[in-house]
Amino acid sequence: MTIKVLLADDHRVVTDGLRSLINGQSDMKVVALAVNGLDAVRRCLDARPDVVVMDQAMPEMNGTEAAQMIRQRRSATRVIILSMHSNAEHVHRALQAGVNGYVLKASAGDEVVEAIRAVHAGRRYLSAPLTEELLDRLIDAAEDPMSLLSARERQVLKLLAEGHSVVRIAAKLSLSRKTVETYRERTMEKLKLSDLPALVRFALKQGLIAEE
């Protein structure tokens, strides 16, 4: 049985390398490619892969957000996140989104192949530095501050942190300026953030946006 894989990464050199590695295995094949999070969701629904291997830091929608949508819309597909981040917040967020595997980019390569086989077999896979003990601590961790926000509030938070103005966010989400301002105020109140720089720092720490 051949494991069908979708690759999602906005860096062509990474995609080409992983595709060559995966297609070189006798039991797996890359059936689709995506260049951002939204594209990954769409192509997953079309190609119906067994496993999605997806970069965390992508345009339009990050890997964790895309993984959550994929798991909601096609639960049979397993998702592996590739990330440069090993801190608890990033890993915990991915696990909460329904991710089945989390592979550090620093230890990618053959480990991706191992992760694909593991999640396809119904197991969870974490890169070596992310031990099962850490996994247990993350799952039992205290309430995630992001859980205080609605889906729309998280969306507005991410766009604000990316530097979009209230006017641009309103146009992008087909909302009134007043509505966006209300979401902004409510979000900052819930998270106890005092200004925009604090909001950006929070978004970076939570893995909603990537450092440039």
N, C-alpha and C. Protein backbone atom coordinates (compact mmCIF):
# COMPACT_ATOMS: atom_id res chain seq x y z
N MET A 1 0.84 -1.20 0.00
CA MET A 1 0.00 0.00 0.00
C MET A 1 0.87 1.25 0.00
N THR A 2 0.60 2.16 -0.92
CA THR A 2 1.39 3.39 -1.02
C THR A 2 0.76 4.50 -0.19
N ILE A 3 1.56 5.17 0.64
CA ILE A 3 1.09 6.27 1.46
C ILE A 3 1.09 7.54 0.61
N LYS A 4 -0.06 8.15 0.44
CA LYS A 4 -0.17 9.37 -0.36
C LYS A 4 0.14 10.59 0.52
N VAL A 5 1.06 11.44 0.05
CA VAL A 5 1.54 12.56 0.86
C VAL A 5 1.32 13.89 0.15
N LEU A 6 0.86 14.88 0.89
CA LEU A 6 0.78 16.25 0.40
C LEU A 6 1.86 17.05 1.11
N LEU A 7 2.65 17.82 0.36
CA LEU A 7 3.69 18.68 0.93
C LEU A 7 3.24 20.13 0.86
N ALA A 8 3.38 20.87 1.96
CA ALA A 8 3.01 22.28 1.99
C ALA A 8 4.16 23.10 2.57
N ASP A 9 4.76 23.92 1.72
CA ASP A 9 5.86 24.79 2.15
C ASP A 9 6.02 25.89 1.11
N ASP A 10 6.27 27.11 1.55
CA ASP A 10 6.39 28.21 0.60
C ASP A 10 7.82 28.38 0.08
N HIS A 11 8.72 27.47 0.47
CA HIS A 11 10.09 27.51 -0.04
C HIS A 11 10.30 26.34 -1.01
N ARG A 12 10.50 26.65 -2.26
CA ARG A 12 10.59 25.62 -3.30
C ARG A 12 11.73 24.64 -3.06
N VAL A 13 12.85 25.14 -2.54
CA VAL A 13 13.99 24.26 -2.34
C VAL A 13 13.67 23.19 -1.28
N VAL A 14 12.88 23.58 -0.26
CA VAL A 14 12.49 22.62 0.77
C VAL A 14 11.54 21.58 0.19
N THR A 15 10.57 22.07 -0.57
CA THR A 15 9.58 21.17 -1.18
C THR A 15 10.26 20.18 -2.12
N ASP A 16 11.17 20.68 -2.96
CA ASP A 16 11.85 19.81 -3.92
C ASP A 16 12.66 18.73 -3.21
N GLY A 17 13.34 19.13 -2.12
CA GLY A 17 14.16 18.17 -1.37
C GLY A 17 13.31 17.08 -0.72
N LEU A 18 12.22 17.50 -0.10
CA LEU A 18 11.34 16.53 0.57
C LEU A 18 10.64 15.63 -0.44
N ARG A 19 10.23 16.21 -1.57
CA ARG A 19 9.54 15.40 -2.59
C ARG A 19 10.48 14.31 -3.13
N SER A 20 11.73 14.68 -3.36
CA SER A 20 12.70 13.71 -3.84
C SER A 20 12.92 12.60 -2.81
N LEU A 21 13.03 12.99 -1.55
CA LEU A 21 13.24 12.02 -0.47
C LEU A 21 12.05 11.07 -0.34
N ILE A 22 10.84 11.62 -0.34
CA ILE A 22 9.63 10.82 -0.15
C ILE A 22 9.37 9.91 -1.35
N ASN A 23 9.52 10.46 -2.55
CA ASN A 23 9.29 9.65 -3.76
C ASN A 23 10.35 8.56 -3.93
N GLY A 24 11.44 8.69 -3.21
CA GLY A 24 12.48 7.68 -3.26
C GLY A 24 12.18 6.47 -2.38
N GLN A 25 11.10 6.56 -1.59
CA GLN A 25 10.70 5.45 -0.73
C GLN A 25 9.75 4.52 -1.51
N SER A 26 9.83 3.25 -1.25
CA SER A 26 9.01 2.30 -2.00
C SER A 26 7.54 2.30 -1.56
N ASP A 27 7.27 2.85 -0.37
CA ASP A 27 5.92 2.77 0.18
C ASP A 27 5.20 4.12 0.27
N MET A 28 5.72 5.16 -0.36
CA MET A 28 5.05 6.46 -0.29
C MET A 28 5.27 7.29 -1.56
N LYS A 29 4.36 8.25 -1.79
CA LYS A 29 4.42 9.06 -2.99
C LYS A 29 3.79 10.43 -2.73
N VAL A 30 4.43 11.50 -3.21
CA VAL A 30 3.87 12.85 -3.11
C VAL A 30 2.80 13.01 -4.18
N VAL A 31 1.57 13.30 -3.76
CA VAL A 31 0.46 13.42 -4.72
C VAL A 31 0.01 14.85 -4.94
N ALA A 32 0.48 15.79 -4.10
CA ALA A 32 0.09 17.19 -4.27
C ALA A 32 1.06 18.10 -3.52
N LEU A 33 1.15 19.36 -3.99
CA LEU A 33 2.00 20.37 -3.37
C LEU A 33 1.15 21.60 -3.06
N ALA A 34 1.52 22.33 -2.01
CA ALA A 34 0.83 23.57 -1.65
C ALA A 34 1.87 24.60 -1.23
N VAL A 35 1.56 25.87 -1.43
CA VAL A 35 2.53 26.93 -1.14
C VAL A 35 2.13 27.81 0.04
N ASN A 36 0.93 27.61 0.59
CA ASN A 36 0.53 28.33 1.79
C ASN A 36 -0.55 27.52 2.52
N GLY A 37 -0.96 28.00 3.68
CA GLY A 37 -1.90 27.24 4.49
C GLY A 37 -3.26 27.04 3.85
N LEU A 38 -3.81 28.09 3.27
CA LEU A 38 -5.11 27.97 2.62
C LEU A 38 -5.05 27.00 1.44
N ASP A 39 -3.96 27.10 0.69
CA ASP A 39 -3.75 26.21 -0.45
C ASP A 39 -3.66 24.76 0.02
N ALA A 40 -3.04 24.55 1.17
CA ALA A 40 -2.90 23.19 1.71
C ALA A 40 -4.26 22.61 2.04
N VAL A 41 -5.15 23.42 2.62
CA VAL A 41 -6.50 22.93 2.96
C VAL A 41 -7.25 22.55 1.69
N ARG A 42 -7.21 23.43 0.71
CA ARG A 42 -7.93 23.17 -0.55
C ARG A 42 -7.41 21.91 -1.23
N ARG A 43 -6.10 21.82 -1.36
CA ARG A 43 -5.51 20.68 -2.07
C ARG A 43 -5.70 19.37 -1.31
N CYS A 44 -5.77 19.47 0.00
CA CYS A 44 -6.02 18.27 0.80
C CYS A 44 -7.40 17.71 0.50
N LEU A 45 -8.38 18.58 0.38
CA LEU A 45 -9.74 18.14 0.09
C LEU A 45 -9.85 17.55 -1.31
N ASP A 46 -9.04 18.07 -2.24
CA ASP A 46 -9.06 17.56 -3.62
C ASP A 46 -8.28 16.25 -3.76
N ALA A 47 -7.05 16.24 -3.23
CA ALA A 47 -6.15 15.10 -3.44
C ALA A 47 -6.38 13.96 -2.44
N ARG A 48 -7.02 14.27 -1.31
CA ARG A 48 -7.33 13.26 -0.29
C ARG A 48 -6.10 12.44 0.11
N PRO A 49 -5.03 13.11 0.55
CA PRO A 49 -3.81 12.39 0.94
C PRO A 49 -3.98 11.65 2.27
N ASP A 50 -3.11 10.70 2.49
CA ASP A 50 -3.11 10.01 3.79
C ASP A 50 -2.41 10.86 4.84
N VAL A 51 -1.36 11.58 4.41
CA VAL A 51 -0.55 12.38 5.33
C VAL A 51 -0.23 13.73 4.69
N VAL A 52 -0.32 14.79 5.48
CA VAL A 52 0.12 16.13 5.06
C VAL A 52 1.36 16.48 5.86
N VAL A 53 2.42 16.87 5.16
CA VAL A 53 3.65 17.36 5.81
C VAL A 53 3.70 18.86 5.53
N MET A 54 3.62 19.66 6.58
CA MET A 54 3.37 21.09 6.39
C MET A 54 4.28 21.96 7.25
N ASP A 55 4.83 23.00 6.62
CA ASP A 55 5.64 23.97 7.34
C ASP A 55 4.75 24.77 8.29
N GLN A 56 5.28 25.13 9.44
CA GLN A 56 4.51 25.91 10.40
C GLN A 56 4.36 27.36 9.95
N ALA A 57 5.45 27.98 9.48
CA ALA A 57 5.44 29.40 9.12
C ALA A 57 5.18 29.56 7.63
N MET A 58 3.92 29.79 7.28
CA MET A 58 3.54 29.98 5.88
C MET A 58 2.64 31.19 5.74
N PRO A 59 2.59 31.79 4.53
CA PRO A 59 1.67 32.91 4.31
C PRO A 59 0.22 32.47 4.28
N GLU A 60 -0.69 33.47 4.35
CA GLU A 60 -2.14 33.27 4.30
C GLU A 60 -2.69 32.61 5.57
N MET A 61 -2.11 31.48 5.95
CA MET A 61 -2.57 30.76 7.14
C MET A 61 -1.42 29.88 7.61
N ASN A 62 -1.08 29.95 8.90
CA ASN A 62 0.08 29.15 9.34
C ASN A 62 -0.27 27.67 9.43
N GLY A 63 0.74 26.86 9.66
CA GLY A 63 0.56 25.41 9.64
C GLY A 63 -0.41 24.89 10.68
N THR A 64 -0.36 25.47 11.86
CA THR A 64 -1.25 25.00 12.93
C THR A 64 -2.71 25.29 12.59
N GLU A 65 -2.98 26.49 12.08
CA GLU A 65 -4.35 26.85 11.70
C GLU A 65 -4.85 25.96 10.57
N ALA A 66 -3.97 25.74 9.58
CA ALA A 66 -4.35 24.89 8.45
C ALA A 66 -4.58 23.45 8.91
N ALA A 67 -3.74 22.98 9.82
CA ALA A 67 -3.89 21.62 10.35
C ALA A 67 -5.24 21.43 11.02
N GLN A 68 -5.66 22.43 11.79
CA GLN A 68 -6.94 22.34 12.47
C GLN A 68 -8.09 22.24 11.47
N MET A 69 -8.03 23.03 10.40
CA MET A 69 -9.07 22.99 9.38
C MET A 69 -9.08 21.64 8.65
N ILE A 70 -7.89 21.13 8.36
CA ILE A 70 -7.79 19.84 7.68
C ILE A 70 -8.36 18.73 8.54
N ARG A 71 -8.02 18.74 9.83
CA ARG A 71 -8.50 17.68 10.72
C ARG A 71 -10.02 17.76 10.91
N GLN A 72 -10.56 18.98 10.85
CA GLN A 72 -12.01 19.15 10.98
C GLN A 72 -12.74 18.66 9.72
N ARG A 73 -12.15 18.93 8.56
CA ARG A 73 -12.83 18.64 7.30
C ARG A 73 -12.49 17.27 6.73
N ARG A 74 -11.33 16.75 7.11
CA ARG A 74 -10.95 15.41 6.62
C ARG A 74 -10.17 14.70 7.71
N SER A 75 -10.87 14.12 8.64
CA SER A 75 -10.25 13.53 9.83
C SER A 75 -9.37 12.33 9.50
N ALA A 76 -9.57 11.71 8.33
CA ALA A 76 -8.76 10.54 7.97
C ALA A 76 -7.33 10.92 7.61
N THR A 77 -7.10 12.18 7.27
CA THR A 77 -5.76 12.64 6.91
C THR A 77 -4.97 12.98 8.16
N ARG A 78 -3.76 12.44 8.25
CA ARG A 78 -2.85 12.75 9.35
C ARG A 78 -2.00 13.96 8.98
N VAL A 79 -1.63 14.76 9.98
CA VAL A 79 -0.87 15.99 9.71
C VAL A 79 0.43 16.01 10.52
N ILE A 80 1.52 16.32 9.81
CA ILE A 80 2.84 16.49 10.45
C ILE A 80 3.26 17.94 10.25
N ILE A 81 3.65 18.60 11.32
CA ILE A 81 4.14 19.98 11.24
C ILE A 81 5.66 19.97 11.23
N LEU A 82 6.24 20.75 10.32
CA LEU A 82 7.68 21.00 10.31
C LEU A 82 7.90 22.38 10.92
N SER A 83 8.74 22.49 11.93
CA SER A 83 8.92 23.78 12.59
C SER A 83 10.34 23.95 13.10
N MET A 84 10.75 25.21 13.17
CA MET A 84 12.05 25.52 13.77
C MET A 84 11.91 25.74 15.27
N HIS A 85 10.67 25.76 15.77
CA HIS A 85 10.41 26.05 17.18
C HIS A 85 10.20 24.77 18.00
N SER A 86 10.89 24.69 19.13
CA SER A 86 10.74 23.52 20.00
C SER A 86 10.17 23.90 21.36
N ASN A 87 9.79 25.18 21.55
CA ASN A 87 9.29 25.58 22.86
C ASN A 87 7.86 25.07 23.09
N ALA A 88 7.47 25.02 24.34
CA ALA A 88 6.21 24.38 24.74
C ALA A 88 4.99 24.99 24.08
N GLU A 89 4.97 26.33 23.95
CA GLU A 89 3.78 26.97 23.40
C GLU A 89 3.48 26.50 21.99
N HIS A 90 4.52 26.42 21.14
CA HIS A 90 4.32 26.02 19.75
C HIS A 90 3.87 24.56 19.64
N VAL A 91 4.52 23.70 20.41
CA VAL A 91 4.17 22.28 20.35
C VAL A 91 2.76 22.05 20.90
N HIS A 92 2.45 22.68 22.00
CA HIS A 92 1.13 22.53 22.61
C HIS A 92 0.04 23.00 21.67
N ARG A 93 0.26 24.15 21.01
CA ARG A 93 -0.72 24.67 20.07
C ARG A 93 -0.97 23.69 18.93
N ALA A 94 0.09 23.10 18.41
CA ALA A 94 -0.05 22.15 17.31
C ALA A 94 -0.83 20.91 17.75
N LEU A 95 -0.53 20.40 18.94
CA LEU A 95 -1.23 19.22 19.44
C LEU A 95 -2.71 19.51 19.67
N GLN A 96 -3.01 20.69 20.18
CA GLN A 96 -4.40 21.08 20.38
C GLN A 96 -5.15 21.15 19.06
N ALA A 97 -4.44 21.52 18.00
CA ALA A 97 -5.07 21.64 16.68
C ALA A 97 -5.30 20.28 16.03
N GLY A 98 -4.82 19.22 16.66
CA GLY A 98 -5.05 17.88 16.12
C GLY A 98 -3.88 17.33 15.32
N VAL A 99 -2.73 17.99 15.40
CA VAL A 99 -1.54 17.52 14.68
C VAL A 99 -1.11 16.16 15.21
N ASN A 100 -0.69 15.29 14.32
CA ASN A 100 -0.27 13.93 14.70
C ASN A 100 1.24 13.79 14.85
N GLY A 101 1.98 14.69 14.20
CA GLY A 101 3.44 14.64 14.28
C GLY A 101 4.03 16.03 14.28
N TYR A 102 5.15 16.21 14.97
CA TYR A 102 5.82 17.51 15.06
C TYR A 102 7.31 17.25 14.89
N VAL A 103 7.86 17.70 13.75
CA VAL A 103 9.26 17.44 13.42
C VAL A 103 10.02 18.75 13.36
N LEU A 104 11.11 18.83 14.09
CA LEU A 104 11.95 20.03 14.06
C LEU A 104 12.73 20.08 12.75
N LYS A 105 12.77 21.26 12.15
CA LYS A 105 13.47 21.40 10.87
C LYS A 105 14.95 21.06 11.00
N ALA A 106 15.50 21.32 12.17
CA ALA A 106 16.92 21.03 12.39
C ALA A 106 17.21 19.54 12.31
N SER A 107 16.20 18.72 12.53
CA SER A 107 16.42 17.26 12.50
C SER A 107 15.54 16.60 11.44
N ALA A 108 15.17 17.37 10.42
CA ALA A 108 14.31 16.82 9.35
C ALA A 108 15.11 15.88 8.47
N GLY A 109 14.68 15.64 7.23
CA GLY A 109 15.37 14.68 6.38
C GLY A 109 14.76 13.31 6.56
N ASP A 110 15.59 12.34 6.88
CA ASP A 110 15.10 10.98 7.06
C ASP A 110 14.05 10.87 8.16
N GLU A 111 14.10 11.80 9.12
CA GLU A 111 13.13 11.77 10.21
C GLU A 111 11.71 12.02 9.68
N VAL A 112 11.60 12.79 8.60
CA VAL A 112 10.28 13.03 8.00
C VAL A 112 9.68 11.72 7.51
N VAL A 113 10.50 10.90 6.89
CA VAL A 113 10.05 9.60 6.39
C VAL A 113 9.57 8.74 7.56
N GLU A 114 10.34 8.74 8.62
CA GLU A 114 9.96 7.96 9.81
C GLU A 114 8.65 8.47 10.40
N ALA A 115 8.50 9.79 10.42
CA ALA A 115 7.28 10.39 10.96
C ALA A 115 6.07 10.05 10.12
N ILE A 116 6.22 10.06 8.80
CA ILE A 116 5.11 9.72 7.91
C ILE A 116 4.62 8.30 8.18
N ARG A 117 5.55 7.38 8.28
CA ARG A 117 5.16 5.98 8.53
C ARG A 117 4.48 5.85 9.90
N ALA A 118 4.99 6.57 10.89
CA ALA A 118 4.44 6.47 12.24
C ALA A 118 3.01 6.99 12.31
N VAL A 119 2.76 8.19 11.79
CA VAL A 119 1.42 8.76 11.90
C VAL A 119 0.42 8.00 11.01
N HIS A 120 0.90 7.48 9.88
CA HIS A 120 0.02 6.70 9.01
C HIS A 120 -0.42 5.42 9.72
N ALA A 121 0.43 4.91 10.59
CA ALA A 121 0.12 3.69 11.34
C ALA A 121 -0.72 3.99 12.59
N GLY A 122 -1.07 5.28 12.78
CA GLY A 122 -1.92 5.64 13.91
C GLY A 122 -1.18 6.06 15.16
N ARG A 123 0.14 6.21 15.04
CA ARG A 123 0.93 6.63 16.20
C ARG A 123 1.19 8.14 16.13
N ARG A 124 1.60 8.71 17.26
CA ARG A 124 1.99 10.11 17.31
C ARG A 124 3.51 10.17 17.18
N TYR A 125 4.02 11.20 16.52
CA TYR A 125 5.47 11.28 16.32
C TYR A 125 5.97 12.66 16.72
N LEU A 126 7.03 12.68 17.54
CA LEU A 126 7.70 13.92 17.91
C LEU A 126 9.19 13.76 17.65
N SER A 127 9.83 14.84 17.21
CA SER A 127 11.29 14.80 17.05
C SER A 127 11.96 14.41 18.37
N ALA A 128 13.13 13.83 18.26
CA ALA A 128 13.83 13.30 19.43
C ALA A 128 13.90 14.25 20.63
N PRO A 129 14.18 15.56 20.44
CA PRO A 129 14.26 16.43 21.61
C PRO A 129 12.92 16.59 22.34
N LEU A 130 11.83 16.29 21.65
CA LEU A 130 10.50 16.45 22.25
C LEU A 130 10.05 15.11 22.82
N THR A 131 10.42 14.83 24.03
CA THR A 131 10.20 13.52 24.63
C THR A 131 8.75 13.30 25.01
N GLU A 132 8.41 12.05 25.27
CA GLU A 132 7.06 11.73 25.72
C GLU A 132 6.74 12.42 27.05
N GLU A 133 7.76 12.60 27.88
CA GLU A 133 7.54 13.29 29.15
C GLU A 133 7.09 14.72 28.89
N LEU A 134 7.76 15.39 27.93
CA LEU A 134 7.37 16.75 27.57
C LEU A 134 5.95 16.74 27.01
N LEU A 135 5.64 15.77 26.19
CA LEU A 135 4.32 15.67 25.59
C LEU A 135 3.25 15.58 26.68
N ASP A 136 3.48 14.76 27.69
CA ASP A 136 2.52 14.62 28.78
C ASP A 136 2.34 15.93 29.53
N ARG A 137 3.44 16.66 29.74
CA ARG A 137 3.35 17.94 30.44
C ARG A 137 2.56 18.94 29.62
N LEU A 138 2.76 18.92 28.30
CA LEU A 138 2.06 19.86 27.43
C LEU A 138 0.56 19.60 27.43
N ILE A 139 0.19 18.33 27.36
CA ILE A 139 -1.22 17.98 27.31
C ILE A 139 -1.91 18.36 28.62
N ASP A 140 -1.16 18.26 29.72
CA ASP A 140 -1.74 18.59 31.03
C ASP A 140 -1.51 20.04 31.42
N ALA A 141 -1.01 20.84 30.49
CA ALA A 141 -0.65 22.23 30.80
C ALA A 141 -1.87 23.07 31.17
N ALA A 142 -1.61 24.19 31.78
CA ALA A 142 -2.69 25.10 32.17
C ALA A 142 -3.41 25.64 30.95
N GLU A 143 -4.54 26.29 31.20
CA GLU A 143 -5.38 26.78 30.10
C GLU A 143 -4.60 27.66 29.14
N ASP A 144 -4.76 27.42 27.88
CA ASP A 144 -4.11 28.19 26.83
C ASP A 144 -4.80 29.53 26.69
N PRO A 145 -4.08 30.66 26.76
CA PRO A 145 -4.74 31.96 26.64
C PRO A 145 -5.50 32.13 25.33
N MET A 146 -5.06 31.47 24.27
CA MET A 146 -5.74 31.59 22.99
C MET A 146 -7.14 30.97 23.03
N SER A 147 -7.36 30.07 23.98
CA SER A 147 -8.68 29.44 24.09
C SER A 147 -9.73 30.43 24.58
N LEU A 148 -9.28 31.58 25.09
CA LEU A 148 -10.21 32.60 25.54
C LEU A 148 -10.84 33.35 24.38
N LEU A 149 -10.23 33.24 23.20
CA LEU A 149 -10.66 34.01 22.04
C LEU A 149 -11.56 33.21 21.10
N SER A 150 -12.48 33.91 20.46
CA SER A 150 -13.30 33.29 19.43
C SER A 150 -12.46 33.16 18.16
N ALA A 151 -12.97 32.40 17.19
CA ALA A 151 -12.24 32.22 15.93
C ALA A 151 -12.01 33.56 15.24
N ARG A 152 -13.01 34.45 15.26
CA ARG A 152 -12.87 35.76 14.62
C ARG A 152 -11.88 36.63 15.37
N GLU A 153 -11.89 36.56 16.70
CA GLU A 153 -10.92 37.34 17.49
C GLU A 153 -9.50 36.88 17.20
N ARG A 154 -9.30 35.57 17.06
CA ARG A 154 -7.96 35.06 16.72
C ARG A 154 -7.53 35.55 15.34
N GLN A 155 -8.48 35.59 14.42
CA GLN A 155 -8.18 36.04 13.06
C GLN A 155 -7.76 37.51 13.07
N VAL A 156 -8.50 38.34 13.79
CA VAL A 156 -8.17 39.77 13.89
C VAL A 156 -6.84 39.96 14.60
N LEU A 157 -6.60 39.20 15.65
CA LEU A 157 -5.33 39.26 16.37
C LEU A 157 -4.15 38.99 15.43
N LYS A 158 -4.26 37.94 14.64
CA LYS A 158 -3.18 37.58 13.72
C LYS A 158 -2.93 38.68 12.69
N LEU A 159 -3.99 39.24 12.13
CA LEU A 159 -3.84 40.28 11.11
C LEU A 159 -3.26 41.56 11.71
N LEU A 160 -3.67 41.90 12.92
CA LEU A 160 -3.10 43.07 13.60
C LEU A 160 -1.61 42.87 13.84
N ALA A 161 -1.25 41.68 14.31
CA ALA A 161 0.15 41.37 14.60
C ALA A 161 1.00 41.38 13.33
N GLU A 162 0.38 41.07 12.20
CA GLU A 162 1.10 41.09 10.92
C GLU A 162 1.27 42.50 10.38
N GLY A 163 0.66 43.49 11.06
CA GLY A 163 0.85 44.88 10.67
C GLY A 163 -0.26 45.49 9.84
N HIS A 164 -1.38 44.77 9.68
CA HIS A 164 -2.50 45.31 8.90
C HIS A 164 -3.26 46.36 9.71
N SER A 165 -3.71 47.41 9.05
CA SER A 165 -4.50 48.45 9.70
C SER A 165 -5.92 47.96 9.93
N VAL A 166 -6.64 48.67 10.80
CA VAL A 166 -8.04 48.31 11.06
C VAL A 166 -8.86 48.40 9.77
N VAL A 167 -8.59 49.44 8.98
CA VAL A 167 -9.32 49.63 7.72
C VAL A 167 -9.07 48.46 6.77
N ARG A 168 -7.81 48.03 6.66
CA ARG A 168 -7.49 46.92 5.76
C ARG A 168 -8.09 45.60 6.26
N ILE A 169 -8.06 45.40 7.57
CA ILE A 169 -8.65 44.18 8.14
C ILE A 169 -10.15 44.15 7.87
N ALA A 170 -10.80 45.31 8.04
CA ALA A 170 -12.24 45.39 7.79
C ALA A 170 -12.56 45.00 6.35
N ALA A 171 -11.76 45.50 5.40
CA ALA A 171 -11.98 45.17 3.99
C ALA A 171 -11.71 43.69 3.72
N LYS A 172 -10.64 43.18 4.33
CA LYS A 172 -10.24 41.79 4.10
C LYS A 172 -11.27 40.80 4.63
N LEU A 173 -11.89 41.13 5.76
CA LEU A 173 -12.85 40.22 6.40
C LEU A 173 -14.31 40.59 6.11
N SER A 174 -14.49 41.62 5.28
CA SER A 174 -15.85 42.08 4.95
C SER A 174 -16.63 42.47 6.20
N LEU A 175 -15.95 43.23 7.07
CA LEU A 175 -16.56 43.73 8.30
C LEU A 175 -16.49 45.25 8.31
N SER A 176 -17.27 45.88 9.18
CA SER A 176 -17.17 47.33 9.32
C SER A 176 -15.95 47.66 10.17
N ARG A 177 -15.47 48.89 10.02
CA ARG A 177 -14.32 49.33 10.83
C ARG A 177 -14.65 49.26 12.32
N LYS A 178 -15.86 49.67 12.67
CA LYS A 178 -16.28 49.65 14.07
C LYS A 178 -16.26 48.24 14.63
N THR A 179 -16.69 47.26 13.83
CA THR A 179 -16.70 45.87 14.29
C THR A 179 -15.29 45.37 14.56
N VAL A 180 -14.36 45.70 13.65
CA VAL A 180 -12.96 45.29 13.83
C VAL A 180 -12.38 45.94 15.08
N GLU A 181 -12.69 47.22 15.29
CA GLU A 181 -12.19 47.91 16.48
C GLU A 181 -12.73 47.24 17.76
N THR A 182 -13.99 46.80 17.70
CA THR A 182 -14.57 46.09 18.85
C THR A 182 -13.85 44.77 19.10
N TYR A 183 -13.56 44.01 18.03
CA TYR A 183 -12.81 42.76 18.17
C TYR A 183 -11.43 43.04 18.76
N ARG A 184 -10.79 44.09 18.28
CA ARG A 184 -9.45 44.44 18.77
C ARG A 184 -9.48 44.75 20.27
N GLU A 185 -10.43 45.59 20.68
CA GLU A 185 -10.52 45.98 22.08
C GLU A 185 -10.85 44.78 22.97
N ARG A 186 -11.78 43.94 22.51
CA ARG A 186 -12.18 42.77 23.28
C ARG A 186 -11.02 41.78 23.42
N THR A 187 -10.26 41.60 22.33
CA THR A 187 -9.12 40.68 22.34
C THR A 187 -8.05 41.15 23.30
N MET A 188 -7.72 42.44 23.24
CA MET A 188 -6.68 42.98 24.11
C MET A 188 -7.10 42.95 25.57
N GLU A 189 -8.40 43.12 25.80
CA GLU A 189 -8.91 43.06 27.17
C GLU A 189 -8.83 41.63 27.71
N LYS A 190 -9.23 40.65 26.89
CA LYS A 190 -9.20 39.25 27.32
C LYS A 190 -7.77 38.79 27.61
N LEU A 191 -6.82 39.24 26.78
CA LEU A 191 -5.42 38.81 26.93
C LEU A 191 -4.61 39.71 27.84
N LYS A 192 -5.27 40.78 28.33
CA LYS A 192 -4.60 41.74 29.24
C LYS A 192 -3.37 42.35 28.57
N LEU A 193 -3.55 42.78 27.32
CA LEU A 193 -2.49 43.43 26.56
C LEU A 193 -2.76 44.93 26.52
N SER A 194 -1.71 45.74 26.69
CA SER A 194 -1.93 47.18 26.82
C SER A 194 -1.78 47.96 25.52
N ASP A 195 -1.00 47.44 24.57
CA ASP A 195 -0.78 48.18 23.33
C ASP A 195 -0.41 47.23 22.20
N LEU A 196 -0.22 47.78 21.00
CA LEU A 196 0.07 46.96 19.82
C LEU A 196 1.40 46.21 19.93
N PRO A 197 2.50 46.85 20.40
CA PRO A 197 3.75 46.09 20.55
C PRO A 197 3.60 44.86 21.44
N ALA A 198 2.80 45.00 22.52
CA ALA A 198 2.56 43.85 23.41
C ALA A 198 1.79 42.77 22.66
N LEU A 199 0.86 43.18 21.81
CA LEU A 199 0.09 42.23 21.01
C LEU A 199 1.00 41.47 20.05
N VAL A 200 1.92 42.19 19.42
CA VAL A 200 2.85 41.56 18.48
C VAL A 200 3.76 40.56 19.21
N ARG A 201 4.25 40.94 20.38
CA ARG A 201 5.09 40.03 21.16
C ARG A 201 4.31 38.78 21.56
N PHE A 202 3.05 38.95 21.93
CA PHE A 202 2.21 37.81 22.29
C PHE A 202 2.04 36.88 21.09
N ALA A 203 1.76 37.46 19.91
CA ALA A 203 1.55 36.66 18.70
C ALA A 203 2.81 35.89 18.32
N LEU A 204 3.97 36.49 18.49
CA LEU A 204 5.24 35.81 18.22
C LEU A 204 5.44 34.64 19.17
N LYS A 205 5.18 34.88 20.45
CA LYS A 205 5.37 33.84 21.46
C LYS A 205 4.43 32.67 21.22
N GLN A 206 3.21 32.96 20.76
CA GLN A 206 2.21 31.91 20.52
C GLN A 206 2.39 31.23 19.18
N GLY A 207 3.31 31.71 18.35
CA GLY A 207 3.54 31.09 17.05
C GLY A 207 2.53 31.47 15.99
N LEU A 208 1.77 32.57 16.21
CA LEU A 208 0.79 33.00 15.22
C LEU A 208 1.45 33.67 14.04
N ILE A 209 2.58 34.33 14.29
CA ILE A 209 3.36 34.94 13.21
C ILE A 209 4.81 34.54 13.41
N ALA A 210 5.59 34.63 12.34
CA ALA A 210 7.00 34.25 12.39
C ALA A 210 7.88 35.48 12.47
N GLU A 211 9.01 35.34 13.16
CA GLU A 211 9.97 36.43 13.20
C GLU A 211 10.61 36.58 11.83
N GLU A 212 10.78 37.84 11.41
CA GLU A 212 11.40 38.08 10.10
C GLU A 212 12.91 38.11 10.23
